[in-house]
Amino acid sequence: HGQKINEAVSKVTWTADGKGIEPGYIQRFPVSMGALPEDTD
């Protein structure tokens, strides 16, 4: 959007402060991201 960005997110780490994902369960970690590149599929 006309502005230069000198840094970008290289990693996101989620750490459980409770029981975490227990056996027999799954967890979804939602992330909003963009702008997505146009030169790759």
Full PDB file with SEQRES, HELIX, SHEET, SSBOND, CRYST1, ORIGX, SCALE, CONECT and MASTER records, all heavy atoms in Angstrom:
SEQRES   1 A   41  HIS GLY GLN LYS ILE ASN GLU ALA VAL SER LYS VAL THR          
SEQRES   2 A   41  TRP THR ALA ASP GLY LYS GLY ILE GLU PRO GLY TYR ILE          
SEQRES   3 A   41  GLN ARG PHE PRO VAL SER MET GLY ALA LEU PRO GLU ASP          
SEQRES   4 A   41  THR ASP                                                      
CRYST1    1.000    1.000    1.000  90.00  90.00  90.00 P 1           1          
ORIGX1      1.000000  0.000000  0.000000        0.00000                         
ORIGX2      0.000000  1.000000  0.000000        0.00000                         
ORIGX3      0.000000  0.000000  1.000000        0.00000                         
SCALE1      1.000000  0.000000  0.000000        0.00000                         
SCALE2      0.000000  1.000000  0.000000        0.00000                         
SCALE3      0.000000  0.000000  1.000000        0.00000                         
ATOM      1  N   HIS A   1       0.822  -1.214   0.000  1.00  0.00           N  
ATOM      2  CA  HIS A   1       0.000   0.000   0.000  1.00  0.00           C  
ATOM      3  C   HIS A   1       0.862   1.273   0.000  1.00  0.00           C  
ATOM      4  O   HIS A   1       0.583   2.243   0.698  1.00  0.00           O  
ATOM      5  CB  HIS A   1      -0.928   0.015   1.205  1.00  0.00           C  
ATOM      6  CG  HIS A   1      -1.837  -1.176   1.282  1.00  0.00           C  
ATOM      7  ND1 HIS A   1      -2.681  -1.532   0.257  1.00  0.00           N  
ATOM      8  CD2 HIS A   1      -2.020  -2.092   2.270  1.00  0.00           C  
ATOM      9  CE1 HIS A   1      -3.360  -2.627   0.602  1.00  0.00           C  
ATOM     10  NE2 HIS A   1      -2.965  -2.989   1.811  1.00  0.00           N  
ATOM     11  N   GLY A   2       1.936   1.224  -0.779  1.00  0.00           N  
ATOM     12  CA  GLY A   2       2.792   2.391  -0.913  1.00  0.00           C  
ATOM     13  C   GLY A   2       3.794   2.571   0.209  1.00  0.00           C  
ATOM     14  O   GLY A   2       4.576   3.533   0.208  1.00  0.00           O  
ATOM     15  N   GLN A   3       3.814   1.664   1.175  1.00  0.00           N  
ATOM     16  CA  GLN A   3       4.755   1.748   2.291  1.00  0.00           C  
ATOM     17  C   GLN A   3       5.737   0.583   2.248  1.00  0.00           C  
ATOM     18  O   GLN A   3       5.381  -0.536   1.894  1.00  0.00           O  
ATOM     19  CB  GLN A   3       4.004   1.738   3.629  1.00  0.00           C  
ATOM     20  CG  GLN A   3       3.101   2.950   3.824  1.00  0.00           C  
ATOM     21  CD  GLN A   3       2.429   2.937   5.193  1.00  0.00           C  
ATOM     22  OE1 GLN A   3       2.474   1.938   5.901  1.00  0.00           O  
ATOM     23  NE2 GLN A   3       1.811   4.040   5.555  1.00  0.00           N  
ATOM     24  N   LYS A   4       6.984   0.871   2.629  1.00  0.00           N  
ATOM     25  CA  LYS A   4       8.006  -0.171   2.640  1.00  0.00           C  
ATOM     26  C   LYS A   4       8.004  -0.880   3.994  1.00  0.00           C  
ATOM     27  O   LYS A   4       8.013  -0.252   5.041  1.00  0.00           O  
ATOM     28  CB  LYS A   4       9.390   0.439   2.360  1.00  0.00           C  
ATOM     29  CG  LYS A   4       9.570   0.880   0.907  1.00  0.00           C  
ATOM     30  CD  LYS A   4      11.001   1.308   0.642  1.00  0.00           C  
ATOM     31  CE  LYS A   4      11.188   1.662  -0.834  1.00  0.00           C  
ATOM     32  NZ  LYS A   4      12.597   2.056  -1.128  1.00  0.00           N  
ATOM     33  N   ILE A   5       7.996  -2.217   3.943  1.00  0.00           N  
ATOM     34  CA  ILE A   5       8.026  -3.047   5.140  1.00  0.00           C  
ATOM     35  C   ILE A   5       9.396  -3.694   5.238  1.00  0.00           C  
ATOM     36  O   ILE A   5       9.824  -4.422   4.334  1.00  0.00           O  
ATOM     37  CB  ILE A   5       6.934  -4.130   5.092  1.00  0.00           C  
ATOM     38  CG1 ILE A   5       5.562  -3.499   4.832  1.00  0.00           C  
ATOM     39  CG2 ILE A   5       6.932  -4.940   6.370  1.00  0.00           C  
ATOM     40  CD1 ILE A   5       5.108  -2.552   5.916  1.00  0.00           C  
ATOM     41  N   ASN A   6      10.115  -3.403   6.329  1.00  0.00           N  
ATOM     42  CA  ASN A   6      11.485  -3.907   6.483  1.00  0.00           C  
ATOM     43  C   ASN A   6      11.578  -5.230   7.227  1.00  0.00           C  
ATOM     44  O   ASN A   6      12.653  -5.836   7.267  1.00  0.00           O  
ATOM     45  CB  ASN A   6      12.346  -2.864   7.215  1.00  0.00           C  
ATOM     46  CG  ASN A   6      12.499  -1.588   6.411  1.00  0.00           C  
ATOM     47  OD1 ASN A   6      12.740  -1.639   5.203  1.00  0.00           O  
ATOM     48  ND2 ASN A   6      12.357  -0.437   7.065  1.00  0.00           N  
ATOM     49  N   GLU A   7      10.476  -5.672   7.827  1.00  0.00           N  
ATOM     50  CA  GLU A   7      10.496  -6.940   8.552  1.00  0.00           C  
ATOM     51  C   GLU A   7       9.182  -7.678   8.362  1.00  0.00           C  
ATOM     52  O   GLU A   7       8.146  -7.068   8.028  1.00  0.00           O  
ATOM     53  CB  GLU A   7      10.758  -6.717  10.042  1.00  0.00           C  
ATOM     54  CG  GLU A   7       9.725  -5.859  10.737  1.00  0.00           C  
ATOM     55  CD  GLU A   7      10.037  -5.655  12.214  1.00  0.00           C  
ATOM     56  OE1 GLU A   7      11.163  -6.000  12.631  1.00  0.00           O  
ATOM     57  OE2 GLU A   7       9.159  -5.164  12.940  1.00  0.00           O  
ATOM     58  N   ALA A   8       9.228  -8.977   8.543  1.00  0.00           N  
ATOM     59  CA  ALA A   8       8.036  -9.807   8.371  1.00  0.00           C  
ATOM     60  C   ALA A   8       8.053 -10.917   9.417  1.00  0.00           C  
ATOM     61  O   ALA A   8       9.097 -11.236   9.992  1.00  0.00           O  
ATOM     62  CB  ALA A   8       7.986 -10.404   6.972  1.00  0.00           C  
ATOM     63  N   VAL A   9       6.912 -11.488   9.653  1.00  0.00           N  
ATOM     64  CA  VAL A   9       6.799 -12.568  10.636  1.00  0.00           C  
ATOM     65  C   VAL A   9       7.460 -13.831  10.082  1.00  0.00           C  
ATOM     66  O   VAL A   9       7.166 -14.265   8.966  1.00  0.00           O  
ATOM     67  CB  VAL A   9       5.320 -12.848  10.971  1.00  0.00           C  
ATOM     68  CG1 VAL A   9       5.188 -14.087  11.856  1.00  0.00           C  
ATOM     69  CG2 VAL A   9       4.701 -11.647  11.660  1.00  0.00           C  
ATOM     70  N   SER A  10       8.357 -14.397  10.868  1.00  0.00           N  
ATOM     71  CA  SER A  10       9.049 -15.611  10.447  1.00  0.00           C  
ATOM     72  C   SER A  10       8.590 -16.838  11.237  1.00  0.00           C  
ATOM     73  O   SER A  10       8.814 -17.977  10.802  1.00  0.00           O  
ATOM     74  CB  SER A  10      10.568 -15.444  10.626  1.00  0.00           C  
ATOM     75  OG  SER A  10      10.877 -15.112  11.974  1.00  0.00           O  
ATOM     76  N   LYS A  11       7.943 -16.604  12.386  1.00  0.00           N  
ATOM     77  CA  LYS A  11       7.497 -17.750  13.189  1.00  0.00           C  
ATOM     78  C   LYS A  11       6.405 -17.328  14.163  1.00  0.00           C  
ATOM     79  O   LYS A  11       6.407 -16.211  14.671  1.00  0.00           O  
ATOM     80  CB  LYS A  11       8.662 -18.349  13.978  1.00  0.00           C  
ATOM     81  CG  LYS A  11       8.289 -19.563  14.823  1.00  0.00           C  
ATOM     82  CD  LYS A  11       9.435 -19.997  15.727  1.00  0.00           C  
ATOM     83  CE  LYS A  11      10.611 -20.511  14.924  1.00  0.00           C  
ATOM     84  NZ  LYS A  11      11.669 -21.066  15.813  1.00  0.00           N  
ATOM     85  N   VAL A  12       5.473 -18.237  14.392  1.00  0.00           N  
ATOM     86  CA  VAL A  12       4.474 -18.062  15.445  1.00  0.00           C  
ATOM     87  C   VAL A  12       4.532 -19.297  16.330  1.00  0.00           C  
ATOM     88  O   VAL A  12       4.501 -20.430  15.839  1.00  0.00           O  
ATOM     89  CB  VAL A  12       3.047 -17.894  14.867  1.00  0.00           C  
ATOM     90  CG1 VAL A  12       2.032 -17.810  16.003  1.00  0.00           C  
ATOM     91  CG2 VAL A  12       2.959 -16.650  13.995  1.00  0.00           C  
ATOM     92  N   THR A  13       4.650 -19.078  17.626  1.00  0.00           N  
ATOM     93  CA  THR A  13       4.766 -20.181  18.589  1.00  0.00           C  
ATOM     94  C   THR A  13       3.595 -20.140  19.563  1.00  0.00           C  
ATOM     95  O   THR A  13       3.327 -19.098  20.172  1.00  0.00           O  
ATOM     96  CB  THR A  13       6.086 -20.081  19.383  1.00  0.00           C  
ATOM     97  OG1 THR A  13       7.183 -20.063  18.465  1.00  0.00           O  
ATOM     98  CG2 THR A  13       6.230 -21.256  20.337  1.00  0.00           C  
ATOM     99  N   TRP A  14       2.913 -21.256  19.676  1.00  0.00           N  
ATOM    100  CA  TRP A  14       1.821 -21.384  20.643  1.00  0.00           C  
ATOM    101  C   TRP A  14       2.288 -22.296  21.778  1.00  0.00           C  
ATOM    102  O   TRP A  14       2.734 -23.427  21.533  1.00  0.00           O  
ATOM    103  CB  TRP A  14       0.579 -21.989  19.998  1.00  0.00           C  
ATOM    104  CG  TRP A  14      -0.137 -21.084  19.049  1.00  0.00           C  
ATOM    105  CD1 TRP A  14      -1.134 -20.212  19.337  1.00  0.00           C  
ATOM    106  CD2 TRP A  14       0.062 -20.977  17.637  1.00  0.00           C  
ATOM    107  NE1 TRP A  14      -1.567 -19.550  18.216  1.00  0.00           N  
ATOM    108  CE2 TRP A  14      -0.851 -20.007  17.151  1.00  0.00           C  
ATOM    109  CE3 TRP A  14       0.921 -21.611  16.738  1.00  0.00           C  
ATOM    110  CZ2 TRP A  14      -0.925 -19.660  15.806  1.00  0.00           C  
ATOM    111  CZ3 TRP A  14       0.860 -21.265  15.406  1.00  0.00           C  
ATOM    112  CH2 TRP A  14      -0.057 -20.300  14.949  1.00  0.00           C  
ATOM    113  N   THR A  15       2.167 -21.820  22.992  1.00  0.00           N  
ATOM    114  CA  THR A  15       2.556 -22.601  24.165  1.00  0.00           C  
ATOM    115  C   THR A  15       1.361 -22.756  25.088  1.00  0.00           C  
ATOM    116  O   THR A  15       0.704 -21.770  25.433  1.00  0.00           O  
ATOM    117  CB  THR A  15       3.711 -21.909  24.925  1.00  0.00           C  
ATOM    118  OG1 THR A  15       4.793 -21.663  24.016  1.00  0.00           O  
ATOM    119  CG2 THR A  15       4.199 -22.783  26.067  1.00  0.00           C  
ATOM    120  N   ALA A  16       1.084 -23.988  25.484  1.00  0.00           N  
ATOM    121  CA  ALA A  16      -0.072 -24.253  26.337  1.00  0.00           C  
ATOM    122  C   ALA A  16       0.199 -23.795  27.763  1.00  0.00           C  
ATOM    123  O   ALA A  16       1.277 -24.063  28.319  1.00  0.00           O  
ATOM    124  CB  ALA A  16      -0.402 -25.742  26.326  1.00  0.00           C  
ATOM    125  N   ASP A  17      -0.744 -23.077  28.348  1.00  0.00           N  
ATOM    126  CA  ASP A  17      -0.643 -22.718  29.761  1.00  0.00           C  
ATOM    127  C   ASP A  17      -1.660 -23.520  30.579  1.00  0.00           C  
ATOM    128  O   ASP A  17      -1.981 -23.183  31.710  1.00  0.00           O  
ATOM    129  CB  ASP A  17      -0.852 -21.216  29.970  1.00  0.00           C  
ATOM    130  CG  ASP A  17      -2.146 -20.709  29.351  1.00  0.00           C  
ATOM    131  OD1 ASP A  17      -3.022 -21.543  29.024  1.00  0.00           O  
ATOM    132  OD2 ASP A  17      -2.282 -19.488  29.186  1.00  0.00           O  
ATOM    133  N   GLY A  18      -2.140 -24.601  29.953  1.00  0.00           N  
ATOM    134  CA  GLY A  18      -3.068 -25.502  30.628  1.00  0.00           C  
ATOM    135  C   GLY A  18      -2.721 -26.935  30.264  1.00  0.00           C  
ATOM    136  O   GLY A  18      -1.547 -27.315  30.249  1.00  0.00           O  
ATOM    137  N   LYS A  19      -3.745 -27.736  29.921  1.00  0.00           N  
ATOM    138  CA  LYS A  19      -3.513 -29.142  29.608  1.00  0.00           C  
ATOM    139  C   LYS A  19      -3.025 -29.355  28.176  1.00  0.00           C  
ATOM    140  O   LYS A  19      -2.537 -30.433  27.843  1.00  0.00           O  
ATOM    141  CB  LYS A  19      -4.808 -29.934  29.821  1.00  0.00           C  
ATOM    142  CG  LYS A  19      -5.271 -29.981  31.279  1.00  0.00           C  
ATOM    143  CD  LYS A  19      -6.534 -30.819  31.412  1.00  0.00           C  
ATOM    144  CE  LYS A  19      -7.002 -30.885  32.859  1.00  0.00           C  
ATOM    145  NZ  LYS A  19      -8.252 -31.704  32.994  1.00  0.00           N  
ATOM    146  N   GLY A  20      -3.185 -28.367  27.314  1.00  0.00           N  
ATOM    147  CA  GLY A  20      -2.781 -28.534  25.929  1.00  0.00           C  
ATOM    148  C   GLY A  20      -3.774 -29.385  25.164  1.00  0.00           C  
ATOM    149  O   GLY A  20      -4.950 -29.459  25.508  1.00  0.00           O  
ATOM    150  N   ILE A  21      -3.284 -30.054  24.124  1.00  0.00           N  
ATOM    151  CA  ILE A  21      -4.147 -30.929  23.331  1.00  0.00           C  
ATOM    152  C   ILE A  21      -4.029 -32.334  23.909  1.00  0.00           C  
ATOM    153  O   ILE A  21      -3.011 -33.003  23.748  1.00  0.00           O  
ATOM    154  CB  ILE A  21      -3.737 -30.934  21.846  1.00  0.00           C  
ATOM    155  CG1 ILE A  21      -3.621 -29.507  21.311  1.00  0.00           C  
ATOM    156  CG2 ILE A  21      -4.745 -31.721  21.011  1.00  0.00           C  
ATOM    157  CD1 ILE A  21      -3.060 -29.426  19.905  1.00  0.00           C  
ATOM    158  N   GLU A  22      -5.061 -32.789  24.558  1.00  0.00           N  
ATOM    159  CA  GLU A  22      -5.031 -34.096  25.207  1.00  0.00           C  
ATOM    160  C   GLU A  22      -5.209 -35.220  24.197  1.00  0.00           C  
ATOM    161  O   GLU A  22      -5.664 -34.993  23.067  1.00  0.00           O  
ATOM    162  CB  GLU A  22      -6.127 -34.157  26.269  1.00  0.00           C  
ATOM    163  CG  GLU A  22      -5.960 -33.122  27.379  1.00  0.00           C  
ATOM    164  CD  GLU A  22      -7.054 -33.216  28.423  1.00  0.00           C  
ATOM    165  OE1 GLU A  22      -6.942 -34.081  29.316  1.00  0.00           O  
ATOM    166  OE2 GLU A  22      -8.028 -32.449  28.328  1.00  0.00           O  
ATOM    167  N   PRO A  23      -4.843 -36.450  24.581  1.00  0.00           N  
ATOM    168  CA  PRO A  23      -5.008 -37.595  23.672  1.00  0.00           C  
ATOM    169  C   PRO A  23      -6.447 -37.731  23.181  1.00  0.00           C  
ATOM    170  O   PRO A  23      -7.396 -37.595  23.953  1.00  0.00           O  
ATOM    171  CB  PRO A  23      -4.612 -38.796  24.556  1.00  0.00           C  
ATOM    172  CG  PRO A  23      -3.648 -38.215  25.544  1.00  0.00           C  
ATOM    173  CD  PRO A  23      -4.173 -36.836  25.841  1.00  0.00           C  
ATOM    174  N   GLY A  24      -6.588 -37.970  21.889  1.00  0.00           N  
ATOM    175  CA  GLY A  24      -7.912 -38.130  21.309  1.00  0.00           C  
ATOM    176  C   GLY A  24      -8.556 -36.838  20.859  1.00  0.00           C  
ATOM    177  O   GLY A  24      -9.717 -36.851  20.435  1.00  0.00           O  
ATOM    178  N   TYR A  25      -7.823 -35.720  20.914  1.00  0.00           N  
ATOM    179  CA  TYR A  25      -8.387 -34.427  20.536  1.00  0.00           C  
ATOM    180  C   TYR A  25      -7.514 -33.738  19.489  1.00  0.00           C  
ATOM    181  O   TYR A  25      -6.335 -34.071  19.305  1.00  0.00           O  
ATOM    182  CB  TYR A  25      -8.525 -33.514  21.752  1.00  0.00           C  
ATOM    183  CG  TYR A  25      -9.609 -33.925  22.712  1.00  0.00           C  
ATOM    184  CD1 TYR A  25      -9.348 -34.844  23.729  1.00  0.00           C  
ATOM    185  CD2 TYR A  25     -10.901 -33.426  22.588  1.00  0.00           C  
ATOM    186  CE1 TYR A  25     -10.344 -35.242  24.606  1.00  0.00           C  
ATOM    187  CE2 TYR A  25     -11.901 -33.810  23.460  1.00  0.00           C  
ATOM    188  CZ  TYR A  25     -11.623 -34.718  24.471  1.00  0.00           C  
ATOM    189  OH  TYR A  25     -12.612 -35.105  25.325  1.00  0.00           O  
ATOM    190  N   ILE A  26      -8.111 -32.749  18.826  1.00  0.00           N  
ATOM    191  CA  ILE A  26      -7.374 -31.902  17.897  1.00  0.00           C  
ATOM    192  C   ILE A  26      -7.587 -30.444  18.323  1.00  0.00           C  
ATOM    193  O   ILE A  26      -8.503 -30.139  19.083  1.00  0.00           O  
ATOM    194  CB  ILE A  26      -7.826 -32.083  16.433  1.00  0.00           C  
ATOM    195  CG1 ILE A  26      -9.283 -31.608  16.282  1.00  0.00           C  
ATOM    196  CG2 ILE A  26      -7.653 -33.507  15.973  1.00  0.00           C  
ATOM    197  CD1 ILE A  26      -9.741 -31.567  14.838  1.00  0.00           C  
ATOM    198  N   GLN A  27      -6.734 -29.569  17.807  1.00  0.00           N  
ATOM    199  CA  GLN A  27      -6.853 -28.139  18.103  1.00  0.00           C  
ATOM    200  C   GLN A  27      -6.606 -27.364  16.823  1.00  0.00           C  
ATOM    201  O   GLN A  27      -5.699 -27.699  16.044  1.00  0.00           O  
ATOM    202  CB  GLN A  27      -5.837 -27.729  19.177  1.00  0.00           C  
ATOM    203  CG  GLN A  27      -5.822 -26.240  19.500  1.00  0.00           C  
ATOM    204  CD  GLN A  27      -7.078 -25.810  20.244  1.00  0.00           C  
ATOM    205  OE1 GLN A  27      -7.429 -26.400  21.263  1.00  0.00           O  
ATOM    206  NE2 GLN A  27      -7.747 -24.791  19.742  1.00  0.00           N  
ATOM    207  N   ARG A  28      -7.392 -26.327  16.606  1.00  0.00           N  
ATOM    208  CA  ARG A  28      -7.183 -25.448  15.464  1.00  0.00           C  
ATOM    209  C   ARG A  28      -6.609 -24.127  15.933  1.00  0.00           C  
ATOM    210  O   ARG A  28      -7.096 -23.549  16.897  1.00  0.00           O  
ATOM    211  CB  ARG A  28      -8.502 -25.236  14.704  1.00  0.00           C  
ATOM    212  CG  ARG A  28      -8.976 -26.463  13.961  1.00  0.00           C  
ATOM    213  CD  ARG A  28     -10.289 -26.210  13.240  1.00  0.00           C  
ATOM    214  NE  ARG A  28     -10.692 -27.342  12.409  1.00  0.00           N  
ATOM    215  CZ  ARG A  28     -11.308 -28.422  12.845  1.00  0.00           C  
ATOM    216  NH1 ARG A  28     -11.627 -28.488  14.134  1.00  0.00           N  
ATOM    217  NH2 ARG A  28     -11.631 -29.413  12.031  1.00  0.00           N  
ATOM    218  N   PHE A  29      -5.594 -23.661  15.214  1.00  0.00           N  
ATOM    219  CA  PHE A  29      -4.929 -22.407  15.550  1.00  0.00           C  
ATOM    220  C   PHE A  29      -5.159 -21.416  14.402  1.00  0.00           C  
ATOM    221  O   PHE A  29      -4.466 -21.464  13.388  1.00  0.00           O  
ATOM    222  CB  PHE A  29      -3.428 -22.643  15.769  1.00  0.00           C  
ATOM    223  CG  PHE A  29      -3.114 -23.557  16.922  1.00  0.00           C  
ATOM    224  CD1 PHE A  29      -3.082 -24.937  16.751  1.00  0.00           C  
ATOM    225  CD2 PHE A  29      -2.866 -23.039  18.189  1.00  0.00           C  
ATOM    226  CE1 PHE A  29      -2.801 -25.782  17.820  1.00  0.00           C  
ATOM    227  CE2 PHE A  29      -2.587 -23.873  19.262  1.00  0.00           C  
ATOM    228  CZ  PHE A  29      -2.559 -25.251  19.076  1.00  0.00           C  
ATOM    229  N   PRO A  30      -6.143 -20.509  14.534  1.00  0.00           N  
ATOM    230  CA  PRO A  30      -6.466 -19.567  13.454  1.00  0.00           C  
ATOM    231  C   PRO A  30      -5.454 -18.424  13.364  1.00  0.00           C  
ATOM    232  O   PRO A  30      -5.009 -17.882  14.378  1.00  0.00           O  
ATOM    233  CB  PRO A  30      -7.850 -19.034  13.850  1.00  0.00           C  
ATOM    234  CG  PRO A  30      -8.329 -19.926  14.961  1.00  0.00           C  
ATOM    235  CD  PRO A  30      -7.104 -20.421  15.644  1.00  0.00           C  
ATOM    236  N   VAL A  31      -5.133 -18.061  12.133  1.00  0.00           N  
ATOM    237  CA  VAL A  31      -4.207 -16.958  11.868  1.00  0.00           C  
ATOM    238  C   VAL A  31      -4.709 -16.158  10.677  1.00  0.00           C  
ATOM    239  O   VAL A  31      -5.044 -16.731   9.630  1.00  0.00           O  
ATOM    240  CB  VAL A  31      -2.780 -17.470  11.570  1.00  0.00           C  
ATOM    241  CG1 VAL A  31      -1.851 -16.299  11.246  1.00  0.00           C  
ATOM    242  CG2 VAL A  31      -2.229 -18.254  12.745  1.00  0.00           C  
ATOM    243  N   SER A  32      -4.755 -14.838  10.816  1.00  0.00           N  
ATOM    244  CA  SER A  32      -5.080 -13.955   9.704  1.00  0.00           C  
ATOM    245  C   SER A  32      -3.768 -13.521   9.062  1.00  0.00           C  
ATOM    246  O   SER A  32      -2.844 -13.073   9.771  1.00  0.00           O  
ATOM    247  CB  SER A  32      -5.861 -12.737  10.203  1.00  0.00           C  
ATOM    248  OG  SER A  32      -6.061 -11.812   9.146  1.00  0.00           O  
ATOM    249  N   MET A  33      -3.669 -13.642   7.742  1.00  0.00           N  
ATOM    250  CA  MET A  33      -2.394 -13.322   7.083  1.00  0.00           C  
ATOM    251  C   MET A  33      -2.600 -12.699   5.715  1.00  0.00           C  
ATOM    252  O   MET A  33      -3.635 -12.862   5.076  1.00  0.00           O  
ATOM    253  CB  MET A  33      -1.547 -14.590   6.957  1.00  0.00           C  
ATOM    254  CG  MET A  33      -2.179 -15.682   6.111  1.00  0.00           C  
ATOM    255  SD  MET A  33      -1.123 -17.138   5.909  1.00  0.00           S  
ATOM    256  CE  MET A  33      -1.027 -17.731   7.589  1.00  0.00           C  
ATOM    257  N   GLY A  34      -1.582 -11.962   5.267  1.00  0.00           N  
ATOM    258  CA  GLY A  34      -1.605 -11.340   3.949  1.00  0.00           C  
ATOM    259  C   GLY A  34      -0.541 -10.259   3.847  1.00  0.00           C  
ATOM    260  O   GLY A  34       0.159  -9.985   4.823  1.00  0.00           O  
ATOM    261  N   ALA A  35      -0.382  -9.623   2.750  1.00  0.00           N  
ATOM    262  CA  ALA A  35      -1.044 -10.023   1.515  1.00  0.00           C  
ATOM    263  C   ALA A  35      -0.364 -11.270   0.958  1.00  0.00           C  
ATOM    264  O   ALA A  35       0.865 -11.389   0.983  1.00  0.00           O  
ATOM    265  CB  ALA A  35      -0.989  -8.896   0.497  1.00  0.00           C  
ATOM    266  N   LEU A  36      -1.171 -12.210   0.470  1.00  0.00           N  
ATOM    267  CA  LEU A  36      -0.637 -13.452  -0.061  1.00  0.00           C  
ATOM    268  C   LEU A  36       0.081 -13.194  -1.383  1.00  0.00           C  
ATOM    269  O   LEU A  36      -0.354 -12.354  -2.177  1.00  0.00           O  
ATOM    270  CB  LEU A  36      -1.775 -14.453  -0.256  1.00  0.00           C  
ATOM    271  CG  LEU A  36      -2.544 -14.822   1.022  1.00  0.00           C  
ATOM    272  CD1 LEU A  36      -3.722 -15.721   0.682  1.00  0.00           C  
ATOM    273  CD2 LEU A  36      -1.637 -15.490   2.038  1.00  0.00           C  
ATOM    274  N   PRO A  37       1.173 -13.901  -1.622  1.00  0.00           N  
ATOM    275  CA  PRO A  37       1.954 -13.658  -2.853  1.00  0.00           C  
ATOM    276  C   PRO A  37       1.167 -14.022  -4.106  1.00  0.00           C  
ATOM    277  O   PRO A  37       0.278 -14.865  -4.075  1.00  0.00           O  
ATOM    278  CB  PRO A  37       3.170 -14.576  -2.670  1.00  0.00           C  
ATOM    279  CG  PRO A  37       2.699 -15.645  -1.741  1.00  0.00           C  
ATOM    280  CD  PRO A  37       1.754 -14.974  -0.797  1.00  0.00           C  
ATOM    281  N   GLU A  38       1.533 -13.372  -5.207  1.00  0.00           N  
ATOM    282  CA  GLU A  38       0.864 -13.606  -6.482  1.00  0.00           C  
ATOM    283  C   GLU A  38       1.707 -14.424  -7.448  1.00  0.00           C  
ATOM    284  O   GLU A  38       1.238 -14.790  -8.525  1.00  0.00           O  
ATOM    285  CB  GLU A  38       0.501 -12.264  -7.126  1.00  0.00           C  
ATOM    286  CG  GLU A  38      -0.428 -11.400  -6.279  1.00  0.00           C  
ATOM    287  CD  GLU A  38      -0.813 -10.103  -6.965  1.00  0.00           C  
ATOM    288  OE1 GLU A  38      -1.376 -10.190  -8.068  1.00  0.00           O  
ATOM    289  OE2 GLU A  38      -0.540  -9.030  -6.407  1.00  0.00           O  
ATOM    290  N   ASP A  39       2.947 -14.718  -7.064  1.00  0.00           N  
ATOM    291  CA  ASP A  39       3.858 -15.417  -7.970  1.00  0.00           C  
ATOM    292  C   ASP A  39       4.092 -16.871  -7.579  1.00  0.00           C  
ATOM    293  O   ASP A  39       5.101 -17.474  -7.944  1.00  0.00           O  
ATOM    294  CB  ASP A  39       5.201 -14.681  -8.041  1.00  0.00           C  
ATOM    295  CG  ASP A  39       5.854 -14.516  -6.675  1.00  0.00           C  
ATOM    296  OD1 ASP A  39       5.187 -14.818  -5.656  1.00  0.00           O  
ATOM    297  OD2 ASP A  39       7.017 -14.093  -6.626  1.00  0.00           O  
ATOM    298  N   THR A  40       3.179 -17.452  -6.804  1.00  0.00           N  
ATOM    299  CA  THR A  40       3.294 -18.860  -6.438  1.00  0.00           C  
ATOM    300  C   THR A  40       1.897 -19.445  -6.229  1.00  0.00           C  
ATOM    301  O   THR A  40       0.940 -18.700  -5.982  1.00  0.00           O  
ATOM    302  CB  THR A  40       4.142 -19.039  -5.158  1.00  0.00           C  
ATOM    303  OG1 THR A  40       4.293 -20.440  -4.889  1.00  0.00           O  
ATOM    304  CG2 THR A  40       3.466 -18.380  -3.962  1.00  0.00           C  
ATOM    305  N   ASP A  41       1.800 -20.757  -6.349  1.00  0.00           N  
ATOM    306  CA  ASP A  41       0.507 -21.421  -6.194  1.00  0.00           C  
ATOM    307  C   ASP A  41       0.307 -22.001  -4.797  1.00  0.00           C  
ATOM    308  O   ASP A  41      -0.785 -22.483  -4.480  1.00  0.00           O  
ATOM    309  CB  ASP A  41       0.358 -22.551  -7.221  1.00  0.00           C  
ATOM    310  CG  ASP A  41       0.312 -22.033  -8.647  1.00  0.00           C  
ATOM    311  OD1 ASP A  41      -0.229 -20.917  -8.849  1.00  0.00           O  
ATOM    312  OD2 ASP A  41       0.826 -22.720  -9.553  1.00  0.00           O  
TER     313      ASP A  41                                                      
MASTER        0    0    0    0    0    0    0    6  312    1    0    4          
END                                                                             
